[in-house]
Protein backbone atom coordinates (compact mmCIF):
# COMPACT_ATOMS: atom_id res chain seq x y z
CA MET A 1 20.18 -22.09 6.91
CA ASP A 2 16.43 -22.68 7.61
CA LYS A 3 15.83 -19.42 5.96
CA PHE A 4 17.87 -20.71 2.81
CA LYS A 5 15.73 -23.94 2.74
CA TYR A 6 12.40 -22.11 3.07
CA PHE A 7 13.68 -19.65 0.00
CA ALA A 8 14.44 -22.79 -1.94
CA TYR A 9 10.93 -24.11 -1.23
CA LEU A 10 9.30 -21.20 -2.06
CA HIS A 11 10.93 -20.82 -5.40
CA LEU A 12 10.14 -24.40 -6.08
CA CYS A 13 6.62 -23.93 -5.51
CA ILE A 14 6.51 -20.95 -7.89
CA LEU A 15 8.45 -22.65 -10.45
CA ILE A 16 5.85 -25.72 -9.86
CA PHE A 17 3.00 -22.85 -10.38
CA SER A 18 4.50 -21.32 -13.54
CA MET A 19 3.92 -24.93 -15.15
CA THR A 20 0.49 -23.87 -15.84
CA GLU A 21 1.50 -21.73 -18.59
CA ILE A 22 2.93 -24.66 -20.33
CA PHE A 23 -0.41 -26.54 -19.66
CA GLY A 24 -2.49 -23.85 -20.93
CA LYS A 25 -0.22 -23.24 -24.18
CA LEU A 26 -0.41 -26.79 -25.00
CA ALA A 27 -4.23 -26.70 -24.29
CA ALA A 28 -4.52 -23.96 -26.67
CA ASN A 29 -2.42 -25.36 -29.20
CA THR A 30 -4.15 -28.70 -28.98
CA TYR A 31 -7.74 -26.88 -29.49
CA LYS A 32 -6.41 -24.78 -32.19
CA ALA A 33 -5.45 -28.16 -33.92
CA GLU A 34 -7.70 -31.03 -32.93
CA GLY A 35 -10.61 -29.24 -31.83
CA MET A 36 -12.89 -29.46 -28.64
CA HIS A 37 -13.43 -33.56 -28.65
CA SER A 38 -9.38 -34.33 -28.07
CA ALA A 39 -8.36 -36.45 -25.21
CA LYS A 40 -4.95 -34.45 -24.98
CA LEU A 41 -7.03 -31.13 -24.34
CA TYR A 42 -8.66 -32.57 -21.55
CA ILE A 43 -5.54 -34.17 -20.09
CA PHE A 44 -3.66 -30.89 -20.51
CA LEU A 45 -6.65 -28.78 -18.60
CA PHE A 46 -6.36 -31.54 -15.89
CA LEU A 47 -2.75 -30.82 -15.65
CA MET A 48 -3.30 -27.28 -15.11
CA LEU A 49 -5.78 -27.57 -12.82
CA PHE A 50 -3.89 -30.47 -10.94
CA VAL A 51 -0.96 -27.81 -10.73
CA CYS A 52 -3.11 -24.99 -9.40
CA VAL A 53 -4.35 -27.17 -6.72
CA PHE A 54 -0.88 -28.51 -5.71
CA TYR A 55 0.66 -25.18 -5.96
CA ALA A 56 -2.29 -23.79 -3.46
CA PHE A 57 -1.46 -26.63 -0.94
CA CYS A 58 2.27 -25.82 -1.02
CA TRP A 59 1.62 -22.11 -0.88
CA GLN A 60 -0.21 -22.40 2.24
CA LYS A 61 2.37 -24.52 3.94
CA ILE A 62 5.45 -22.15 2.77
CA ILE A 63 3.94 -18.75 3.74
CA LYS A 64 3.98 -19.64 7.48
CA HIS A 65 7.86 -19.36 7.49
CA PHE A 66 7.80 -15.83 5.90
CA GLU A 67 6.37 -12.30 6.05
CA LEU A 68 3.59 -12.35 3.93
CA HIS A 69 4.95 -9.14 1.66
CA THR A 70 8.22 -11.19 1.34
CA ALA A 71 6.19 -14.37 -0.05
CA TYR A 72 4.18 -12.16 -2.28
CA ALA A 73 7.05 -10.23 -3.41
CA ASN A 74 8.73 -13.53 -4.53
CA ARG A 75 5.60 -14.55 -6.43
CA ALA A 76 6.54 -12.15 -8.96
CA MET A 77 9.52 -14.44 -10.25
CA TYR A 78 6.64 -16.39 -11.72
CA LEU A 79 6.98 -13.91 -14.48
CA VAL A 80 10.67 -14.91 -14.81
CA TRP A 81 9.87 -18.71 -14.91
CA SER A 82 7.15 -18.09 -17.65
CA GLN A 83 9.59 -16.08 -19.89
CA ILE A 84 12.15 -19.08 -19.74
CA TRP A 85 9.53 -21.94 -20.32
CA ALA A 86 8.29 -19.87 -23.34
CA SER A 87 11.82 -19.70 -24.68
CA VAL A 88 13.33 -23.15 -23.79
CA ILE A 89 9.69 -25.30 -24.46
CA PHE A 90 8.05 -23.19 -27.22
CA SER A 91 11.15 -21.54 -28.99
CA GLU A 92 9.70 -18.31 -28.30
CA VAL A 93 12.38 -15.40 -28.63
CA ILE A 94 13.38 -13.51 -25.32
CA THR A 95 13.73 -9.72 -26.24
CA PRO A 96 15.75 -7.08 -24.65
CA ARG A 97 12.61 -5.57 -23.25
CA ASN A 98 11.79 -9.09 -21.74
CA ILE A 99 15.26 -9.23 -19.96
CA LEU A 100 15.00 -5.99 -18.78
CA GLY A 101 11.65 -6.58 -17.47
CA MET A 102 12.96 -9.87 -15.66
CA LEU A 103 15.91 -7.76 -14.08
CA ILE A 104 13.79 -5.18 -12.80
CA VAL A 105 11.64 -8.02 -11.43
CA MET A 106 14.20 -9.99 -9.91
CA THR A 107 15.87 -6.60 -8.42
CA GLY A 108 12.73 -5.85 -6.73
CA VAL A 109 12.39 -9.70 -5.18
CA ILE A 110 15.91 -9.18 -3.78
CA LEU A 111 15.74 -6.00 -2.29
CA VAL A 112 12.41 -7.22 -0.39
CA SER A 113 13.87 -10.41 0.44
CA THR A 114 17.27 -8.70 1.92
CA GLY A 115 15.22 -6.00 3.49
CA ASP A 116 13.04 -8.57 5.60
CA ALA A 117 16.32 -10.25 6.44
CA ASP A 118 17.69 -7.22 7.76
CA ASN A 119 14.71 -6.46 9.53
CA ASP A 120 14.57 -10.25 11.12
CA ALA A 121 18.06 -9.30 12.47
CA GLU A 122 17.33 -6.22 14.30
CA ASN A 123 13.90 -7.98 15.79
CA ARG A 124 16.21 -10.79 17.07
CA ALA A 125 18.84 -8.07 18.57
CA GLU A 126 15.75 -6.29 20.25
CA GLU A 127 14.83 -9.59 21.76
CA VAL A 128 17.63 -10.14 23.24
CA ALA A 129 18.07 -6.84 24.69
């Protein structure tokens, strides 16, 4: 149960980090429309920085509960969240190639994560023996 909870925290952390894409695009659109002197531009830039700092803090806390290769493999889910945000918030079209790419990323994450769970079970069995 703890492992599921930590995976949920890990993916929440990655989801939050993916919001930098939102603020980055909003900042770029604001810059294009209103120029360098827009207060909204600096608010979006600040939000990008804040999300990055918050993510760094969360990441340091959560990776203590995983093998490092598992945590880094799960970071690839950032790409999936970015595609979802682009579609939902900015009405960008998700192409079949995008879907294929997301499926490949998710398959890799699942393979690494389940392989790590199998290794944990083997290590616990060895410790008992």
